[in-house]
């Protein structure tokens, strides 16, 4: 994969964030998967969509304090 942002589903993003130590704590009534990580104030809210908007994915990666390259490695 290149250093660009991939087009992925919300579920695939959750799997990648889990590899980075985030855990799924609940699924909201609006079909958003809520993730938290020990020691982090930030909460990730990932919509359960077939394709995530690239801007949203970039924002989630930034909120998780990861680089796009690090996130792409987690997808492998």
Protein backbone atom coordinates (compact mmCIF):
# COMPACT_ATOMS: atom_id res chain seq x y z
CA UNK A 1 0.00 0.00 0.00
CA UNK A 2 1.18 3.52 -0.69
CA UNK A 3 1.23 6.28 1.90
CA UNK A 4 -2.18 7.49 0.67
CA UNK A 5 -5.44 6.90 2.48
CA UNK A 6 -7.21 3.68 1.55
CA UNK A 7 -10.96 3.36 0.99
CA UNK A 8 -12.08 1.02 3.77
CA UNK A 9 -15.18 0.09 5.75
CA UNK A 10 -15.86 1.16 9.31
CA UNK A 11 -15.41 -2.45 10.49
CA UNK A 12 -11.98 -2.68 8.82
CA UNK A 13 -10.96 0.59 10.49
CA UNK A 14 -12.03 -0.80 13.89
CA UNK A 15 -9.86 -3.90 13.33
CA UNK A 16 -6.85 -1.71 12.50
CA UNK A 17 -7.36 0.55 15.54
CA UNK A 18 -7.69 -2.56 17.75
CA UNK A 19 -4.18 -3.59 16.63
CA UNK A 20 -2.99 -0.19 17.93
CA UNK A 21 -4.47 -0.84 21.38
CA UNK A 22 -7.92 0.73 20.96
CA UNK A 23 -10.92 -1.30 22.09
CA UNK A 24 -14.54 -1.28 21.05
CA UNK A 25 -16.54 -0.21 24.10
CA UNK A 26 -20.03 0.05 22.60
CA UNK A 27 -22.09 0.51 19.47
CA UNK A 28 -24.32 3.54 19.62
CA UNK A 29 -27.94 3.64 18.50
CA UNK A 30 -26.83 5.58 15.42
CA UNK A 31 -24.62 2.65 14.29
CA UNK A 32 -21.38 4.30 15.37
CA UNK A 33 -18.70 2.08 16.90
CA UNK A 34 -17.19 3.81 19.94
CA UNK A 35 -13.56 3.03 20.74
CA UNK A 36 -11.38 3.99 23.70
CA UNK A 37 -7.75 3.44 24.62
CA UNK A 38 -6.33 3.26 28.12
CA UNK A 39 -4.54 6.48 29.03
CA UNK A 40 -6.16 8.48 26.22
CA UNK A 41 -8.79 11.18 26.68
CA UNK A 42 -9.85 10.86 23.03
CA UNK A 43 -12.76 8.65 21.99
CA UNK A 44 -13.05 7.41 18.41
CA UNK A 45 -16.53 7.31 16.89
CA UNK A 46 -16.47 5.22 13.71
CA UNK A 47 -19.62 4.93 11.58
CA UNK A 48 -20.55 1.41 10.49
CA UNK A 49 -20.46 2.25 6.78
CA UNK A 50 -19.25 0.21 3.80
CA UNK A 51 -16.91 3.08 2.88
CA UNK A 52 -15.56 5.76 5.19
CA UNK A 53 -15.11 9.26 3.83
CA UNK A 54 -11.38 9.98 3.43
CA UNK A 55 -11.64 13.20 5.45
CA UNK A 56 -13.26 11.35 8.35
CA UNK A 57 -10.67 8.56 8.21
CA UNK A 58 -7.83 11.13 8.22
CA UNK A 59 -9.42 12.80 11.26
CA UNK A 60 -9.79 9.47 13.11
CA UNK A 61 -6.15 8.59 12.42
CA UNK A 62 -5.07 12.00 13.71
CA UNK A 63 -7.27 11.62 16.83
CA UNK A 64 -5.61 8.24 17.50
CA UNK A 65 -2.16 9.91 17.29
CA UNK A 66 -1.12 7.72 14.36
CA UNK A 67 0.43 8.64 11.02
CA UNK A 68 -1.23 7.51 7.81
CA UNK A 69 1.78 5.23 7.21
CA UNK A 70 1.38 3.64 10.66
CA UNK A 71 -2.35 3.14 10.05
CA UNK A 72 -1.71 1.54 6.64
CA UNK A 73 0.68 -0.94 8.31
CA UNK A 74 -2.06 -1.86 10.81
CA UNK A 75 -4.34 -2.74 7.88
CA UNK A 76 -1.90 -5.39 6.60
